[in-house]
Amino acid sequence: MRIDILTIFPQMFDCVLNESILKRAQEKGKLWFIVHNLRDYTVDKHKKVDDKPFGGGPGMIMQVQPIHDALKEICKLSKIGKKQRRIILLSPQGKTMEQKVATRLSKYKHLILICAHYEGVDERVRKYLADEEISIGDYVLTGGELPAMVLVDAVTRLIPGVLGKKESLHQESFHDNLLEYPQYSRPADFKGMKVPTVLLSGDHNKIKDYRKKESLRITKEKRPDLFKKYKT
């Protein structure tokens, strides 16, 4: 998968994209990240990418021209068909990022992420250039860079071959709308805090049943909204 990121703060992505699973995914050839500085695409001699909103109002608005030109060049150079590409605007107005959204996006060969900043972007970006908008929650951040990082991380781990074991994907939280069961490691008894006996039994069927019951219990207790979606 190729992921292009449009931002006015490209340095923010350096440490995130070059650590942990994201780094290993690139080393395996599963991912190709390209971070673009939108200032490189502006026609303004001062490298401005924002201007005052028509009609007045506080703050500045990101202009349509640099984003349009960046998208045009990226799509031309990538040589990946439109059906295999998704252009995403990170925005508080977008649909909420969920596991099913990450799963859907992981099927594409090319994602282009637009990181909004200032007071937002020219409406023509939303209306004519982006395929969809995505939000990571009902709160306001300084820009779209952090949401882009969250999206990238969530999608990357779903790409076949990125994680070490295929089974790990099916055991994580939000698979089948259930939260993950409790996990324990050595020692079995730490200052009187003990690991459930069933996990030490070696009986894989009992362990499987225990984990399923715990997953259901935790989901019902902590996320009743997810529990209602669960289908037995």
Protein backbone atom coordinates (compact mmCIF):
# COMPACT_ATOMS: atom_id res chain seq x y z
CA MET A 1 0.00 0.00 0.00
CA ARG A 2 1.10 3.54 -0.75
CA ILE A 3 0.12 6.30 1.68
CA ASP A 4 0.67 9.95 0.81
CA ILE A 5 0.22 12.59 3.52
CA LEU A 6 -0.36 16.28 2.77
CA THR A 7 0.62 18.57 5.63
CA ILE A 8 2.28 21.88 6.48
CA PHE A 9 4.20 20.17 9.30
CA PRO A 10 5.96 17.19 7.65
CA GLN A 11 8.52 16.86 10.47
CA MET A 12 5.75 15.74 12.84
CA PHE A 13 5.65 12.38 11.07
CA ASP A 14 9.36 11.54 11.22
CA CYS A 15 9.41 9.66 14.52
CA VAL A 16 5.99 8.01 14.14
CA LEU A 17 6.54 6.53 10.68
CA ASN A 18 10.01 5.24 11.50
CA GLU A 19 9.30 3.29 14.66
CA SER A 20 7.71 0.00 15.69
CA ILE A 21 5.19 -1.73 13.41
CA LEU A 22 5.13 1.12 10.88
CA LYS A 23 8.87 0.88 10.41
CA ARG A 24 8.79 -2.91 10.06
CA ALA A 25 5.92 -2.71 7.57
CA GLN A 26 8.04 -0.49 5.35
CA GLU A 27 11.06 -2.77 5.70
CA LYS A 28 8.90 -5.72 4.62
CA GLY A 29 7.77 -3.78 1.56
CA LYS A 30 4.13 -3.76 2.69
CA LEU A 31 3.92 0.03 2.96
CA TRP A 32 5.34 3.07 1.24
CA PHE A 33 4.93 6.42 2.99
CA ILE A 34 5.45 9.77 1.29
CA VAL A 35 4.96 12.94 3.35
CA HIS A 36 4.43 16.09 1.31
CA ASN A 37 4.88 19.68 2.45
CA LEU A 38 1.90 21.58 1.04
CA ARG A 39 4.01 24.72 0.87
CA ASP A 40 5.89 23.11 -2.01
CA TYR A 41 2.73 23.23 -4.10
CA THR A 42 1.58 26.80 -3.52
CA VAL A 43 1.90 29.46 -6.23
CA ASP A 44 2.35 32.15 -3.57
CA LYS A 45 5.91 33.54 -3.57
CA HIS A 46 5.90 33.61 0.22
CA LYS A 47 4.85 29.93 0.38
CA LYS A 48 1.52 30.78 2.00
CA VAL A 49 -1.15 28.08 1.92
CA ASP A 50 -3.85 29.98 3.83
CA ASP A 51 -5.89 33.16 3.51
CA LYS A 52 -8.74 35.05 5.14
CA PRO A 53 -12.25 33.61 4.73
CA PHE A 54 -14.67 35.29 2.37
CA GLY A 55 -17.44 36.96 4.33
CA GLY A 56 -15.18 37.60 7.31
CA GLY A 57 -14.63 35.62 10.45
CA PRO A 58 -11.80 34.60 12.77
CA GLY A 59 -8.69 32.73 11.73
CA MET A 60 -7.34 31.64 8.37
CA ILE A 61 -8.53 29.02 5.88
CA MET A 62 -6.34 26.57 4.00
CA GLN A 63 -6.60 27.34 0.30
CA VAL A 64 -7.84 24.93 -2.35
CA GLN A 65 -5.03 25.57 -4.89
CA PRO A 66 -2.07 23.91 -3.10
CA ILE A 67 -4.17 20.89 -2.17
CA HIS A 68 -5.58 20.54 -5.67
CA ASP A 69 -2.15 20.74 -7.31
CA ALA A 70 -0.60 18.31 -4.82
CA LEU A 71 -3.37 15.76 -5.42
CA LYS A 72 -3.10 16.13 -9.18
CA GLU A 73 0.65 15.46 -9.16
CA ILE A 74 0.46 12.58 -6.66
CA CYS A 75 -2.30 10.78 -8.57
CA LYS A 76 -0.41 11.20 -11.84
CA LEU A 77 2.89 9.86 -10.46
CA SER A 78 1.43 6.98 -8.44
CA LYS A 79 -0.10 5.31 -11.52
CA ILE A 80 -2.64 3.61 -9.24
CA GLY A 81 -6.19 3.50 -10.59
CA LYS A 82 -8.94 5.60 -9.06
CA LYS A 83 -10.86 2.53 -7.88
CA GLN A 84 -7.86 1.48 -5.78
CA ARG A 85 -7.34 4.95 -4.29
CA ARG A 86 -9.07 6.86 -1.49
CA ILE A 87 -8.54 10.56 -0.76
CA ILE A 88 -9.33 11.35 2.87
CA LEU A 89 -9.73 14.69 4.60
CA LEU A 90 -9.06 14.49 8.34
CA SER A 91 -11.84 16.63 9.79
CA PRO A 92 -14.01 16.90 12.93
CA GLN A 93 -16.99 16.88 10.55
CA GLY A 94 -16.13 13.42 9.25
CA LYS A 95 -17.44 9.98 10.13
CA THR A 96 -15.96 8.59 13.32
CA MET A 97 -12.93 6.36 12.92
CA GLU A 98 -13.87 2.79 13.90
CA GLN A 99 -12.34 -0.62 13.36
CA LYS A 100 -14.69 -1.32 10.45
CA VAL A 101 -13.50 1.90 8.79
CA ALA A 102 -9.87 0.86 9.20
CA THR A 103 -10.70 -2.57 7.78
CA ARG A 104 -12.36 -1.03 4.74
CA LEU A 105 -9.47 1.34 4.07
CA SER A 106 -6.91 -1.45 4.38
CA LYS A 107 -8.32 -2.95 1.17
CA TYR A 108 -7.13 -0.02 -0.96
CA LYS A 109 -3.71 0.16 -2.64
CA HIS A 110 -3.38 3.92 -2.25
CA LEU A 111 -4.50 6.33 0.47
CA ILE A 112 -3.99 10.09 0.36
CA LEU A 113 -4.50 11.89 3.67
CA ILE A 114 -5.13 15.64 3.81
CA CYS A 115 -4.25 17.22 7.16
CA ALA A 116 -6.35 20.33 7.74
CA HIS A 117 -5.04 23.17 9.89
CA TYR A 118 -5.87 26.70 10.99
CA GLU A 119 -9.66 27.23 11.03
CA GLY A 120 -10.24 24.55 8.42
CA VAL A 121 -10.03 24.10 4.66
CA ASP A 122 -11.73 25.71 1.70
CA GLU A 123 -15.08 23.94 1.28
CA ARG A 124 -14.18 23.03 -2.31
CA VAL A 125 -11.62 20.54 -0.97
CA ARG A 126 -14.37 18.76 0.94
CA LYS A 127 -16.91 19.02 -1.87
CA TYR A 128 -14.86 18.27 -4.96
CA LEU A 129 -11.46 16.78 -4.07
CA ALA A 130 -11.81 14.44 -1.08
CA ASP A 131 -13.60 11.09 -1.32
CA GLU A 132 -14.54 11.15 2.34
CA GLU A 133 -13.93 12.81 5.71
CA ILE A 134 -12.81 11.01 8.84
CA SER A 135 -12.71 12.15 12.46
CA ILE A 136 -11.02 10.35 15.37
CA GLY A 137 -13.45 11.74 17.92
CA ASP A 138 -15.76 14.54 18.99
CA TYR A 139 -13.12 17.00 20.10
CA VAL A 140 -11.02 19.68 18.42
CA LEU A 141 -7.30 19.31 17.74
CA THR A 142 -4.83 21.85 16.40
CA GLY A 143 -4.60 20.07 13.06
CA GLY A 144 -5.11 16.86 11.14
CA GLU A 145 -1.61 15.49 11.71
CA LEU A 146 -2.39 13.49 14.86
CA PRO A 147 -5.61 12.02 13.39
CA ALA A 148 -3.63 11.03 10.29
CA MET A 149 -1.13 9.17 12.48
CA VAL A 150 -3.95 7.34 14.26
CA LEU A 151 -5.55 6.34 10.96
CA VAL A 152 -2.23 5.15 9.52
CA ASP A 153 -1.49 3.01 12.57
CA ALA A 154 -4.97 1.45 12.64
CA VAL A 155 -4.91 0.63 8.92
CA THR A 156 -1.32 -0.63 8.80
CA ARG A 157 -1.81 -3.47 11.26
CA LEU A 158 -4.65 -4.83 9.11
CA ILE A 159 -2.52 -5.18 5.98
CA PRO A 160 -1.75 -8.88 5.40
CA GLY A 161 1.78 -9.77 6.42
CA VAL A 162 2.39 -6.75 8.65
CA LEU A 163 1.74 -8.43 12.01
CA GLY A 164 3.64 -11.52 13.01
CA LYS A 165 0.66 -13.81 13.61
CA LYS A 166 -2.61 -13.71 11.72
CA GLU A 167 -4.44 -14.91 14.84
CA SER A 168 -3.51 -11.75 16.73
CA LEU A 169 -5.85 -9.70 14.57
CA HIS A 170 -8.82 -11.86 15.56
CA GLN A 171 -8.03 -11.65 19.26
CA GLU A 172 -7.76 -7.88 19.58
CA SER A 173 -10.35 -5.48 20.94
CA PHE A 174 -13.22 -4.53 18.60
CA HIS A 175 -13.00 -7.74 16.58
CA ASP A 176 -16.65 -8.85 16.25
CA ASN A 177 -17.55 -5.76 18.33
CA LEU A 178 -16.06 -7.26 21.50
CA LEU A 179 -13.33 -5.93 23.77
CA GLU A 180 -10.32 -8.14 24.37
CA TYR A 181 -10.23 -10.58 27.28
CA PRO A 182 -7.79 -10.02 30.22
CA GLN A 183 -4.16 -10.99 29.62
CA TYR A 184 -1.60 -12.14 32.18
CA SER A 185 2.09 -13.00 32.20
CA ARG A 186 4.68 -14.30 34.68
CA PRO A 187 4.81 -14.48 37.65
CA ALA A 188 1.63 -16.45 38.33
CA ASP A 189 1.48 -14.99 41.85
CA PHE A 190 2.77 -11.47 42.42
CA LYS A 191 2.43 -10.29 46.03
CA GLY A 192 -0.82 -12.21 46.41
CA MET A 193 -2.26 -11.01 43.09
CA LYS A 194 -2.87 -14.29 41.29
CA VAL A 195 -3.47 -15.31 37.70
CA PRO A 196 -6.81 -17.14 37.19
CA THR A 197 -6.27 -20.86 37.68
CA VAL A 198 -7.86 -21.81 34.36
CA LEU A 199 -5.07 -20.05 32.46
CA LEU A 200 -2.51 -22.28 34.17
CA SER A 201 -4.43 -25.50 33.52
CA GLY A 202 -3.12 -26.23 30.04
CA ASP A 203 -6.66 -27.11 28.94
CA HIS A 204 -7.03 -25.10 25.73
CA ASN A 205 -10.78 -25.61 25.44
CA LYS A 206 -11.39 -24.31 28.95
CA ILE A 207 -9.07 -21.38 28.32
CA LYS A 208 -10.91 -20.55 25.10
CA ASP A 209 -14.29 -20.63 26.88
CA TYR A 210 -12.95 -18.52 29.75
CA ARG A 211 -11.61 -15.88 27.40
CA LYS A 212 -14.86 -15.69 25.43
CA LYS A 213 -16.91 -15.27 28.62
CA GLU A 214 -14.53 -12.60 29.90
CA SER A 215 -14.62 -10.76 26.60
CA LEU A 216 -18.42 -10.71 26.72
CA ARG A 217 -18.44 -9.62 30.37
CA ILE A 218 -15.98 -6.78 29.86
CA THR A 219 -17.73 -5.53 26.74
CA LYS A 220 -21.14 -5.54 28.45
CA GLU A 221 -19.70 -3.73 31.47
CA LYS A 222 -17.50 -1.15 29.75
CA ARG A 223 -19.06 -0.72 26.30
CA PRO A 224 -22.75 -1.66 26.35
CA ASP A 225 -23.09 0.08 22.98
CA LEU A 226 -20.73 -2.45 21.43
CA PHE A 227 -22.34 -5.33 23.28
CA LYS A 228 -25.67 -4.53 21.63
CA LYS A 229 -24.02 -4.89 18.21
CA TYR A 230 -22.51 -8.24 19.04
CA LYS A 231 -24.03 -11.21 17.21
CA THR A 232 -23.68 -14.63 18.76
